[in-house]
Amino acid sequence: MSRSLKIALFASIALVLAGQTTSAKKPTKANTSPSIHTLTVKNIDGKDVKLSTYKGKVLLLVNTASRCGYTYQYKGMQEIHTKYAKKGFSVLAFPCNDFGGQEPGTHKQIKAFCTGKFKTTFPIFSKVKVKGKKKTPLYALLTDKSKHSFGGAITWNFNKFLIGKDGRILARFGSSDEPNGAKVTKAIEKALK
């Protein structure tokens, strides 16, 4: 047996013993996450919206609140919605009162606040629960650690999930990640390609 053949054989044995193979890598949890397109949610006017209507679009889902220190991010959300809408992108806002009671208003008040103060044109949905036993199915999927690597509890208002054209989670951003900041917009631009 030649020296190079012995080296190749030794390397193959070492890879097997280490639990690795030379075949293609298994997909990551993020790539195998369930699609949000299977779910139905209610919009701010109480009408059912099948998330499958967003197939082929890149989305940024945000749990929002009108009386939070991060409420100013509505402006940045509107900026990126406007900037990328023609390329197949949309922001989806999900008002939430789970953190400090910072979204106490009615659906009518929330809609008036967002459209009046921030001139929002992106879709706003009915108030949701993002934590606890009454968590909505959408946020149960988004936060499920067993289904994808972006799971884990929502930490505060204005957590963000970037959703790919196939409805699967591509990235997650915290409250302090500005929606129109370089980190988020770079991920949006990559997803739109």
N, C-alpha and C. Protein backbone atom coordinates (compact mmCIF):
# COMPACT_ATOMS: atom_id res chain seq x y z
N MET A 1 0.85 -1.17 0.00
CA MET A 1 0.00 0.00 0.00
C MET A 1 0.90 1.24 0.00
N SER A 2 0.58 2.17 -0.88
CA SER A 2 1.41 3.37 -0.99
C SER A 2 1.19 4.27 0.21
N ARG A 3 2.16 5.14 0.41
CA ARG A 3 2.11 6.07 1.54
C ARG A 3 0.88 6.98 1.45
N SER A 4 0.58 7.54 0.26
CA SER A 4 -0.57 8.44 0.10
C SER A 4 -1.89 7.71 0.34
N LEU A 5 -1.98 6.45 -0.05
CA LEU A 5 -3.18 5.67 0.19
C LEU A 5 -3.37 5.41 1.68
N LYS A 6 -2.25 5.14 2.39
CA LYS A 6 -2.30 4.93 3.84
C LYS A 6 -2.77 6.20 4.55
N ILE A 7 -2.28 7.35 4.10
CA ILE A 7 -2.66 8.64 4.71
C ILE A 7 -4.16 8.89 4.48
N ALA A 8 -4.64 8.63 3.26
CA ALA A 8 -6.06 8.84 2.95
C ALA A 8 -6.93 7.90 3.79
N LEU A 9 -6.50 6.64 3.92
CA LEU A 9 -7.24 5.67 4.71
C LEU A 9 -7.28 6.09 6.18
N PHE A 10 -6.15 6.54 6.72
CA PHE A 10 -6.06 7.00 8.10
C PHE A 10 -6.97 8.21 8.33
N ALA A 11 -6.97 9.14 7.38
CA ALA A 11 -7.81 10.34 7.50
C ALA A 11 -9.28 9.97 7.49
N SER A 12 -9.68 9.01 6.63
CA SER A 12 -11.07 8.56 6.57
C SER A 12 -11.50 7.92 7.88
N ILE A 13 -10.61 7.07 8.45
CA ILE A 13 -10.92 6.42 9.72
C ILE A 13 -11.05 7.46 10.82
N ALA A 14 -10.18 8.45 10.82
CA ALA A 14 -10.23 9.50 11.84
C ALA A 14 -11.54 10.28 11.75
N LEU A 15 -12.01 10.58 10.54
CA LEU A 15 -13.27 11.30 10.36
C LEU A 15 -14.44 10.48 10.88
N VAL A 16 -14.45 9.18 10.57
CA VAL A 16 -15.53 8.31 11.04
C VAL A 16 -15.53 8.25 12.56
N LEU A 17 -14.35 8.09 13.16
CA LEU A 17 -14.26 8.02 14.61
C LEU A 17 -14.70 9.32 15.28
N ALA A 18 -14.48 10.40 14.60
CA ALA A 18 -14.88 11.72 15.13
C ALA A 18 -16.36 12.01 14.90
N GLY A 19 -17.04 11.07 14.21
CA GLY A 19 -18.47 11.26 13.97
C GLY A 19 -18.76 12.14 12.77
N GLN A 20 -17.80 12.35 11.92
CA GLN A 20 -17.97 13.19 10.75
C GLN A 20 -17.90 12.33 9.51
N THR A 21 -18.48 12.79 8.45
CA THR A 21 -18.36 12.11 7.17
C THR A 21 -18.00 13.14 6.13
N THR A 22 -17.61 12.66 4.97
CA THR A 22 -17.27 13.59 3.90
C THR A 22 -18.49 13.90 3.04
N SER A 23 -19.66 13.37 3.40
CA SER A 23 -20.87 13.67 2.63
C SER A 23 -21.38 15.07 2.97
N ALA A 24 -22.45 15.48 2.30
CA ALA A 24 -22.99 16.83 2.49
C ALA A 24 -23.42 17.03 3.94
N LYS A 25 -23.31 18.26 4.40
CA LYS A 25 -23.71 18.60 5.77
C LYS A 25 -25.21 18.50 5.91
N LYS A 26 -25.63 18.10 7.10
CA LYS A 26 -27.06 18.07 7.40
C LYS A 26 -27.56 19.51 7.48
N PRO A 27 -28.82 19.75 7.06
CA PRO A 27 -29.34 21.11 7.19
C PRO A 27 -29.40 21.53 8.65
N THR A 28 -29.22 22.81 8.90
CA THR A 28 -29.31 23.32 10.26
C THR A 28 -30.77 23.38 10.67
N LYS A 29 -31.02 23.49 11.97
CA LYS A 29 -32.39 23.59 12.46
C LYS A 29 -33.12 24.76 11.81
N ALA A 30 -32.40 25.87 11.59
CA ALA A 30 -33.03 27.06 11.01
C ALA A 30 -33.58 26.75 9.62
N ASN A 31 -32.86 25.94 8.85
CA ASN A 31 -33.28 25.62 7.50
C ASN A 31 -34.45 24.64 7.46
N THR A 32 -34.69 23.95 8.55
CA THR A 32 -35.77 22.97 8.58
C THR A 32 -36.93 23.44 9.44
N SER A 33 -36.93 24.70 9.83
CA SER A 33 -38.02 25.20 10.67
C SER A 33 -39.33 25.16 9.89
N PRO A 34 -40.43 24.95 10.60
CA PRO A 34 -41.73 24.96 9.93
C PRO A 34 -41.99 26.33 9.31
N SER A 35 -42.74 26.34 8.25
CA SER A 35 -43.08 27.59 7.58
C SER A 35 -44.23 28.29 8.31
N ILE A 36 -44.14 29.58 8.44
CA ILE A 36 -45.24 30.35 9.03
C ILE A 36 -46.42 30.41 8.06
N HIS A 37 -46.21 30.04 6.81
CA HIS A 37 -47.26 30.11 5.80
C HIS A 37 -48.43 29.17 6.09
N THR A 38 -48.27 28.27 7.04
CA THR A 38 -49.36 27.36 7.39
C THR A 38 -50.35 27.98 8.38
N LEU A 39 -50.01 29.15 8.90
CA LEU A 39 -50.80 29.77 9.97
C LEU A 39 -51.74 30.86 9.46
N THR A 40 -52.78 31.11 10.25
CA THR A 40 -53.71 32.21 9.99
C THR A 40 -53.71 33.11 11.23
N VAL A 41 -53.68 34.41 11.00
CA VAL A 41 -53.71 35.40 12.09
C VAL A 41 -54.82 36.39 11.81
N LYS A 42 -55.13 37.22 12.80
CA LYS A 42 -56.14 38.26 12.60
C LYS A 42 -55.46 39.62 12.43
N ASN A 43 -55.93 40.40 11.48
CA ASN A 43 -55.37 41.74 11.32
C ASN A 43 -55.97 42.68 12.36
N ILE A 44 -55.51 43.90 12.37
CA ILE A 44 -55.93 44.87 13.38
C ILE A 44 -57.44 45.15 13.32
N ASP A 45 -58.06 44.85 12.17
CA ASP A 45 -59.51 45.03 12.02
C ASP A 45 -60.29 43.76 12.35
N GLY A 46 -59.57 42.72 12.82
CA GLY A 46 -60.24 41.48 13.23
C GLY A 46 -60.51 40.49 12.12
N LYS A 47 -59.99 40.73 10.93
CA LYS A 47 -60.21 39.81 9.80
C LYS A 47 -59.08 38.78 9.72
N ASP A 48 -59.45 37.54 9.38
CA ASP A 48 -58.46 36.48 9.22
C ASP A 48 -57.54 36.77 8.04
N VAL A 49 -56.24 36.54 8.25
CA VAL A 49 -55.24 36.69 7.19
C VAL A 49 -54.40 35.41 7.18
N LYS A 50 -54.44 34.71 6.07
CA LYS A 50 -53.59 33.54 5.92
C LYS A 50 -52.19 34.03 5.61
N LEU A 51 -51.22 33.58 6.40
CA LEU A 51 -49.85 34.02 6.16
C LEU A 51 -49.30 33.46 4.85
N SER A 52 -50.00 32.50 4.27
CA SER A 52 -49.61 31.98 2.95
C SER A 52 -49.75 33.06 1.87
N THR A 53 -50.51 34.12 2.16
CA THR A 53 -50.62 35.22 1.18
C THR A 53 -49.29 35.94 1.02
N TYR A 54 -48.35 35.68 1.94
CA TYR A 54 -47.03 36.32 1.87
C TYR A 54 -45.97 35.41 1.25
N LYS A 55 -46.40 34.28 0.67
CA LYS A 55 -45.43 33.40 0.01
C LYS A 55 -44.67 34.18 -1.05
N GLY A 56 -43.37 33.99 -1.08
CA GLY A 56 -42.53 34.68 -2.06
C GLY A 56 -42.03 36.03 -1.59
N LYS A 57 -42.45 36.46 -0.40
CA LYS A 57 -41.99 37.73 0.16
C LYS A 57 -41.07 37.49 1.35
N VAL A 58 -40.16 38.41 1.57
CA VAL A 58 -39.33 38.43 2.76
C VAL A 58 -40.06 39.29 3.78
N LEU A 59 -40.13 38.83 5.03
CA LEU A 59 -40.89 39.54 6.07
C LEU A 59 -40.03 39.83 7.28
N LEU A 60 -40.36 40.91 7.96
CA LEU A 60 -39.79 41.19 9.27
C LEU A 60 -40.96 41.28 10.24
N LEU A 61 -41.08 40.27 11.11
CA LEU A 61 -42.14 40.22 12.11
C LEU A 61 -41.64 40.86 13.39
N VAL A 62 -42.43 41.79 13.94
CA VAL A 62 -42.02 42.54 15.12
C VAL A 62 -43.16 42.58 16.13
N ASN A 63 -42.86 42.20 17.39
CA ASN A 63 -43.87 42.40 18.44
C ASN A 63 -43.71 43.82 18.97
N THR A 64 -44.75 44.60 18.80
CA THR A 64 -44.68 46.05 19.04
C THR A 64 -45.47 46.48 20.27
N ALA A 65 -45.23 47.71 20.70
CA ALA A 65 -45.97 48.32 21.80
C ALA A 65 -45.91 49.83 21.65
N SER A 66 -47.01 50.49 21.95
CA SER A 66 -47.12 51.94 21.76
C SER A 66 -46.52 52.79 22.87
N ARG A 67 -46.24 52.18 24.03
CA ARG A 67 -45.72 52.95 25.16
C ARG A 67 -44.39 52.40 25.66
N CYS A 68 -43.58 51.96 24.76
CA CYS A 68 -42.29 51.34 25.09
C CYS A 68 -41.16 52.31 24.74
N GLY A 69 -40.03 52.13 25.38
CA GLY A 69 -38.87 52.93 25.04
C GLY A 69 -38.39 52.71 23.62
N TYR A 70 -38.80 51.59 23.02
CA TYR A 70 -38.42 51.28 21.63
C TYR A 70 -39.50 51.63 20.63
N THR A 71 -40.58 52.28 21.07
CA THR A 71 -41.68 52.61 20.16
C THR A 71 -41.22 53.46 18.99
N TYR A 72 -40.19 54.25 19.17
CA TYR A 72 -39.65 55.07 18.08
C TYR A 72 -39.24 54.21 16.87
N GLN A 73 -39.03 52.91 17.09
CA GLN A 73 -38.61 52.03 15.99
C GLN A 73 -39.68 51.87 14.92
N TYR A 74 -40.91 52.26 15.22
CA TYR A 74 -41.94 52.27 14.17
C TYR A 74 -41.46 53.09 12.97
N LYS A 75 -40.74 54.17 13.23
CA LYS A 75 -40.24 55.01 12.14
C LYS A 75 -39.28 54.22 11.26
N GLY A 76 -38.35 53.52 11.87
CA GLY A 76 -37.40 52.71 11.10
C GLY A 76 -38.08 51.55 10.40
N MET A 77 -39.09 50.98 11.05
CA MET A 77 -39.86 49.90 10.41
C MET A 77 -40.54 50.41 9.15
N GLN A 78 -41.11 51.62 9.22
CA GLN A 78 -41.76 52.19 8.04
C GLN A 78 -40.73 52.50 6.96
N GLU A 79 -39.57 52.99 7.36
CA GLU A 79 -38.51 53.30 6.38
C GLU A 79 -38.10 52.07 5.58
N ILE A 80 -37.84 50.95 6.28
CA ILE A 80 -37.41 49.76 5.54
C ILE A 80 -38.57 49.14 4.75
N HIS A 81 -39.78 49.26 5.28
CA HIS A 81 -40.94 48.76 4.54
C HIS A 81 -41.05 49.50 3.21
N THR A 82 -40.94 50.81 3.26
CA THR A 82 -41.02 51.63 2.04
C THR A 82 -39.84 51.34 1.11
N LYS A 83 -38.65 51.25 1.66
CA LYS A 83 -37.44 51.06 0.86
C LYS A 83 -37.44 49.75 0.09
N TYR A 84 -37.91 48.67 0.72
CA TYR A 84 -37.80 47.34 0.11
C TYR A 84 -39.12 46.76 -0.39
N ALA A 85 -40.23 47.46 -0.24
CA ALA A 85 -41.54 46.91 -0.61
C ALA A 85 -41.60 46.47 -2.07
N LYS A 86 -41.07 47.26 -2.97
CA LYS A 86 -41.13 46.92 -4.40
C LYS A 86 -40.24 45.73 -4.75
N LYS A 87 -39.34 45.36 -3.84
CA LYS A 87 -38.45 44.22 -4.07
C LYS A 87 -39.03 42.93 -3.47
N GLY A 88 -40.21 43.03 -2.84
CA GLY A 88 -40.84 41.84 -2.28
C GLY A 88 -40.65 41.69 -0.78
N PHE A 89 -40.70 42.80 -0.06
CA PHE A 89 -40.48 42.80 1.39
C PHE A 89 -41.65 43.48 2.09
N SER A 90 -41.94 43.03 3.31
CA SER A 90 -42.95 43.69 4.13
C SER A 90 -42.62 43.53 5.61
N VAL A 91 -42.91 44.56 6.37
CA VAL A 91 -42.88 44.49 7.83
C VAL A 91 -44.27 44.05 8.26
N LEU A 92 -44.35 43.17 9.26
CA LEU A 92 -45.62 42.78 9.86
C LEU A 92 -45.52 43.08 11.35
N ALA A 93 -46.40 43.94 11.85
CA ALA A 93 -46.37 44.33 13.27
C ALA A 93 -47.43 43.58 14.05
N PHE A 94 -47.01 43.05 15.20
CA PHE A 94 -47.90 42.31 16.09
C PHE A 94 -47.90 42.97 17.47
N PRO A 95 -48.85 43.88 17.72
CA PRO A 95 -48.91 44.54 19.02
C PRO A 95 -49.03 43.51 20.15
N CYS A 96 -48.38 43.84 21.26
CA CYS A 96 -48.31 42.90 22.37
C CYS A 96 -48.29 43.67 23.69
N ASN A 97 -49.07 43.20 24.65
CA ASN A 97 -49.15 43.86 25.95
C ASN A 97 -48.49 43.02 27.05
N ASP A 98 -47.61 42.10 26.66
CA ASP A 98 -47.00 41.15 27.61
C ASP A 98 -45.87 41.74 28.45
N PHE A 99 -45.35 42.88 28.08
CA PHE A 99 -44.19 43.44 28.79
C PHE A 99 -44.52 44.80 29.38
N GLY A 100 -44.73 44.82 30.67
CA GLY A 100 -44.96 46.08 31.37
C GLY A 100 -46.28 46.76 31.02
N GLY A 101 -47.22 46.04 30.41
CA GLY A 101 -48.50 46.66 30.04
C GLY A 101 -48.32 47.83 29.10
N GLN A 102 -47.34 47.73 28.19
CA GLN A 102 -47.00 48.87 27.34
C GLN A 102 -47.80 48.96 26.03
N GLU A 103 -48.79 48.07 25.88
CA GLU A 103 -49.71 48.16 24.75
C GLU A 103 -51.13 47.96 25.26
N PRO A 104 -51.62 48.93 26.07
CA PRO A 104 -52.94 48.76 26.71
C PRO A 104 -54.12 49.12 25.81
N GLY A 105 -53.87 49.78 24.70
CA GLY A 105 -54.96 50.30 23.87
C GLY A 105 -55.79 49.25 23.17
N THR A 106 -56.93 49.69 22.67
CA THR A 106 -57.79 48.85 21.84
C THR A 106 -57.17 48.75 20.45
N HIS A 107 -57.70 47.86 19.65
CA HIS A 107 -57.20 47.74 18.27
C HIS A 107 -57.38 49.06 17.51
N LYS A 108 -58.50 49.70 17.72
CA LYS A 108 -58.78 50.98 17.06
C LYS A 108 -57.75 52.04 17.49
N GLN A 109 -57.43 52.09 18.79
CA GLN A 109 -56.45 53.05 19.30
C GLN A 109 -55.05 52.76 18.77
N ILE A 110 -54.69 51.49 18.72
CA ILE A 110 -53.37 51.10 18.22
C ILE A 110 -53.22 51.51 16.76
N LYS A 111 -54.24 51.19 15.96
CA LYS A 111 -54.20 51.54 14.53
C LYS A 111 -54.09 53.05 14.35
N ALA A 112 -54.88 53.82 15.10
CA ALA A 112 -54.85 55.29 14.99
C ALA A 112 -53.48 55.83 15.40
N PHE A 113 -52.90 55.26 16.45
CA PHE A 113 -51.57 55.69 16.92
C PHE A 113 -50.52 55.45 15.84
N CYS A 114 -50.49 54.23 15.29
CA CYS A 114 -49.46 53.88 14.31
C CYS A 114 -49.59 54.67 13.01
N THR A 115 -50.80 54.76 12.50
CA THR A 115 -50.99 55.47 11.24
C THR A 115 -50.91 56.99 11.42
N GLY A 116 -51.33 57.49 12.60
CA GLY A 116 -51.28 58.92 12.85
C GLY A 116 -49.89 59.43 13.17
N LYS A 117 -49.25 58.82 14.15
CA LYS A 117 -47.95 59.31 14.60
C LYS A 117 -46.80 58.90 13.68
N PHE A 118 -46.84 57.66 13.17
CA PHE A 118 -45.71 57.15 12.38
C PHE A 118 -46.02 56.95 10.91
N LYS A 119 -47.25 57.26 10.50
CA LYS A 119 -47.67 57.15 9.10
C LYS A 119 -47.39 55.75 8.54
N THR A 120 -47.65 54.73 9.36
CA THR A 120 -47.37 53.36 8.94
C THR A 120 -48.29 52.92 7.80
N THR A 121 -47.70 52.18 6.87
CA THR A 121 -48.47 51.60 5.77
C THR A 121 -48.31 50.08 5.75
N PHE A 122 -47.46 49.54 6.61
CA PHE A 122 -47.29 48.09 6.65
C PHE A 122 -48.43 47.46 7.46
N PRO A 123 -48.66 46.15 7.26
CA PRO A 123 -49.76 45.49 7.97
C PRO A 123 -49.54 45.44 9.48
N ILE A 124 -50.62 45.75 10.20
CA ILE A 124 -50.63 45.65 11.66
C ILE A 124 -51.71 44.63 12.02
N PHE A 125 -51.39 43.76 12.95
CA PHE A 125 -52.30 42.68 13.30
C PHE A 125 -52.90 42.88 14.68
N SER A 126 -53.85 42.04 15.02
CA SER A 126 -54.47 42.09 16.34
C SER A 126 -53.44 41.82 17.42
N LYS A 127 -53.72 42.30 18.60
CA LYS A 127 -52.83 42.06 19.74
C LYS A 127 -52.61 40.57 19.93
N VAL A 128 -51.37 40.22 20.24
CA VAL A 128 -51.01 38.81 20.44
C VAL A 128 -50.36 38.61 21.80
N LYS A 129 -50.35 37.37 22.23
CA LYS A 129 -49.57 36.93 23.39
C LYS A 129 -48.31 36.29 22.83
N VAL A 130 -47.16 36.72 23.32
CA VAL A 130 -45.90 36.17 22.81
C VAL A 130 -45.17 35.32 23.84
N LYS A 131 -45.76 35.20 25.03
CA LYS A 131 -45.15 34.38 26.08
C LYS A 131 -46.24 33.73 26.92
N GLY A 132 -45.84 32.73 27.67
CA GLY A 132 -46.77 32.05 28.57
C GLY A 132 -47.63 31.02 27.87
N LYS A 133 -48.56 30.47 28.63
CA LYS A 133 -49.43 29.39 28.14
C LYS A 133 -50.40 29.85 27.06
N LYS A 134 -50.71 31.14 27.01
CA LYS A 134 -51.66 31.65 26.02
C LYS A 134 -50.97 32.23 24.78
N LYS A 135 -49.70 31.90 24.62
CA LYS A 135 -48.92 32.36 23.46
C LYS A 135 -49.64 31.96 22.17
N THR A 136 -49.74 32.88 21.22
CA THR A 136 -50.41 32.59 19.96
C THR A 136 -49.61 31.55 19.18
N PRO A 137 -50.28 30.79 18.28
CA PRO A 137 -49.57 29.77 17.49
C PRO A 137 -48.37 30.32 16.72
N LEU A 138 -48.48 31.53 16.19
CA LEU A 138 -47.36 32.12 15.45
C LEU A 138 -46.14 32.27 16.36
N TYR A 139 -46.33 32.84 17.53
CA TYR A 139 -45.19 33.03 18.43
C TYR A 139 -44.76 31.73 19.10
N ALA A 140 -45.65 30.77 19.19
CA ALA A 140 -45.24 29.44 19.67
C ALA A 140 -44.26 28.84 18.67
N LEU A 141 -44.54 28.99 17.39
CA LEU A 141 -43.63 28.49 16.35
C LEU A 141 -42.31 29.27 16.35
N LEU A 142 -42.41 30.58 16.40
CA LEU A 142 -41.21 31.42 16.33
C LEU A 142 -40.25 31.17 17.50
N THR A 143 -40.79 30.84 18.66
CA THR A 143 -39.94 30.72 19.85
C THR A 143 -39.61 29.27 20.23
N ASP A 144 -40.07 28.31 19.44
CA ASP A 144 -39.88 26.89 19.76
C ASP A 144 -38.44 26.46 19.50
N LYS A 145 -37.66 26.26 20.56
CA LYS A 145 -36.25 25.87 20.44
C LYS A 145 -36.08 24.50 19.79
N SER A 146 -37.07 23.64 19.90
CA SER A 146 -36.95 22.29 19.34
C SER A 146 -37.12 22.27 17.83
N LYS A 147 -37.65 23.34 17.26
CA LYS A 147 -37.93 23.37 15.82
C LYS A 147 -36.89 24.13 15.01
N HIS A 148 -36.14 25.03 15.65
CA HIS A 148 -35.14 25.81 14.91
C HIS A 148 -34.17 26.48 15.88
N SER A 149 -33.08 26.94 15.35
CA SER A 149 -32.03 27.51 16.20
C SER A 149 -32.29 28.96 16.63
N PHE A 150 -33.38 29.57 16.16
CA PHE A 150 -33.70 30.95 16.55
C PHE A 150 -34.73 31.00 17.66
N GLY A 151 -35.08 29.84 18.24
CA GLY A 151 -36.08 29.76 19.28
C GLY A 151 -35.60 30.39 20.58
N GLY A 152 -36.47 30.42 21.53
CA GLY A 152 -36.19 31.02 22.82
C GLY A 152 -37.20 32.11 23.12
N ALA A 153 -37.35 32.41 24.37
CA ALA A 153 -38.36 33.37 24.81
C ALA A 153 -38.17 34.74 24.18
N ILE A 154 -39.29 35.40 23.93
CA ILE A 154 -39.26 36.81 23.52
C ILE A 154 -38.82 37.58 24.75
N THR A 155 -37.82 38.42 24.60
CA THR A 155 -37.21 39.09 25.75
C THR A 155 -37.87 40.43 26.10
N TRP A 156 -38.47 41.07 25.10
CA TRP A 156 -39.09 42.38 25.34
C TRP A 156 -39.82 42.78 24.07
N ASN A 157 -40.43 43.94 24.08
CA ASN A 157 -41.07 44.49 22.88
C ASN A 157 -40.01 44.71 21.80
N PHE A 158 -40.44 44.65 20.57
CA PHE A 158 -39.62 44.93 19.39
C PHE A 158 -38.52 43.89 19.15
N ASN A 159 -38.77 42.63 19.54
CA ASN A 159 -37.94 41.52 19.04
C ASN A 159 -38.35 41.34 17.58
N LYS A 160 -37.40 40.92 16.76
CA LYS A 160 -37.65 40.85 15.31
C LYS A 160 -37.24 39.50 14.75
N PHE A 161 -38.08 38.96 13.85
CA PHE A 161 -37.78 37.72 13.15
C PHE A 161 -37.78 38.01 11.66
N LEU A 162 -36.70 37.66 10.98
CA LEU A 162 -36.63 37.79 9.53
C LEU A 162 -37.08 36.45 8.94
N ILE A 163 -38.08 36.52 8.08
CA ILE A 163 -38.68 35.33 7.47
C ILE A 163 -38.37 35.33 5.98
N GLY A 164 -37.93 34.18 5.49
CA GLY A 164 -37.60 34.05 4.07
C GLY A 164 -38.83 33.89 3.20
N LYS A 165 -38.60 33.86 1.90
CA LYS A 165 -39.68 33.76 0.93
C LYS A 165 -40.50 32.48 1.08
N ASP A 166 -39.87 31.45 1.66
CA ASP A 166 -40.55 30.16 1.87
C ASP A 166 -41.26 30.10 3.22
N GLY A 167 -41.23 31.18 3.98
CA GLY A 167 -41.91 31.23 5.27
C GLY A 167 -41.09 30.72 6.43
N ARG A 168 -39.82 30.40 6.19
CA ARG A 168 -38.96 29.87 7.24
C ARG A 168 -38.10 30.99 7.85
N ILE A 169 -37.76 30.81 9.11
CA ILE A 169 -37.01 31.84 9.84
C ILE A 169 -35.56 31.87 9.37
N LEU A 170 -35.10 33.06 9.03
CA LEU A 170 -33.72 33.26 8.57
C LEU A 170 -32.82 33.87 9.64
N ALA A 171 -33.39 34.73 10.48
CA ALA A 171 -32.60 35.44 11.48
C ALA A 171 -33.52 35.98 12.56
N ARG A 172 -32.91 36.30 13.68
CA ARG A 172 -33.63 36.90 14.80
C ARG A 172 -32.81 38.05 15.34
N PHE A 173 -33.49 39.13 15.69
CA PHE A 173 -32.83 40.32 16.21
C PHE A 173 -33.51 40.77 17.50
N GLY A 174 -32.75 41.35 18.39
CA GLY A 174 -33.26 41.82 19.66
C GLY A 174 -33.90 43.19 19.56
N SER A 175 -34.43 43.64 20.67
CA SER A 175 -35.10 44.93 20.74
C SER A 175 -34.18 46.08 20.35
N SER A 176 -32.93 46.01 20.75
CA SER A 176 -32.01 47.12 20.48
C SER A 176 -31.47 47.12 19.06
N ASP A 177 -31.72 46.06 18.29
CA ASP A 177 -31.30 46.05 16.88
C ASP A 177 -32.27 46.92 16.08
N GLU A 178 -31.76 48.03 15.59
CA GLU A 178 -32.60 48.98 14.86
C GLU A 178 -33.10 48.35 13.57
N PRO A 179 -34.39 48.47 13.27
CA PRO A 179 -34.93 47.85 12.06
C PRO A 179 -34.30 48.40 10.78
N ASN A 180 -33.89 49.66 10.81
CA ASN A 180 -33.26 50.27 9.64
C ASN A 180 -31.74 50.37 9.81
N GLY A 181 -31.19 49.67 10.79
CA GLY A 181 -29.74 49.66 11.01
C GLY A 181 -29.05 48.69 10.06
N ALA A 182 -27.73 48.79 10.00
CA ALA A 182 -26.94 47.99 9.05
C ALA A 182 -27.11 46.49 9.26
N LYS A 183 -27.16 46.04 10.49
CA LYS A 183 -27.26 44.61 10.78
C LYS A 183 -28.54 44.01 10.20
N VAL A 184 -29.66 44.68 10.41
CA VAL A 184 -30.94 44.17 9.93
C VAL A 184 -31.07 44.36 8.41
N THR A 185 -30.71 45.53 7.91
CA THR A 185 -30.88 45.77 6.47
C THR A 185 -29.96 44.87 5.63
N LYS A 186 -28.79 44.56 6.14
CA LYS A 186 -27.89 43.63 5.42
C LYS A 186 -28.55 42.26 5.30
N ALA A 187 -29.18 41.80 6.37
CA ALA A 187 -29.87 40.49 6.36
C ALA A 187 -31.07 40.53 5.42
N ILE A 188 -31.80 41.64 5.38
CA ILE A 188 -32.95 41.78 4.49
C ILE A 188 -32.47 41.73 3.03
N GLU A 189 -31.44 42.49 2.73
CA GLU A 189 -30.93 42.53 1.35
C GLU A 189 -30.44 41.15 0.89
N LYS A 190 -29.80 40.43 1.79
CA LYS A 190 -29.32 39.08 1.46
C LYS A 190 -30.51 38.16 1.18
N ALA A 191 -31.56 38.26 1.98
CA ALA A 191 -32.75 37.41 1.81
C ALA A 191 -33.50 37.74 0.53
N LEU A 192 -33.44 38.98 0.10
CA LEU A 192 -34.16 39.40 -1.12
C LEU A 192 -33.46 38.95 -2.40
N LYS A 193 -32.19 38.58 -2.32
CA LYS A 193 -31.44 38.18 -3.54
C LYS A 193 -31.93 36.87 -4.09
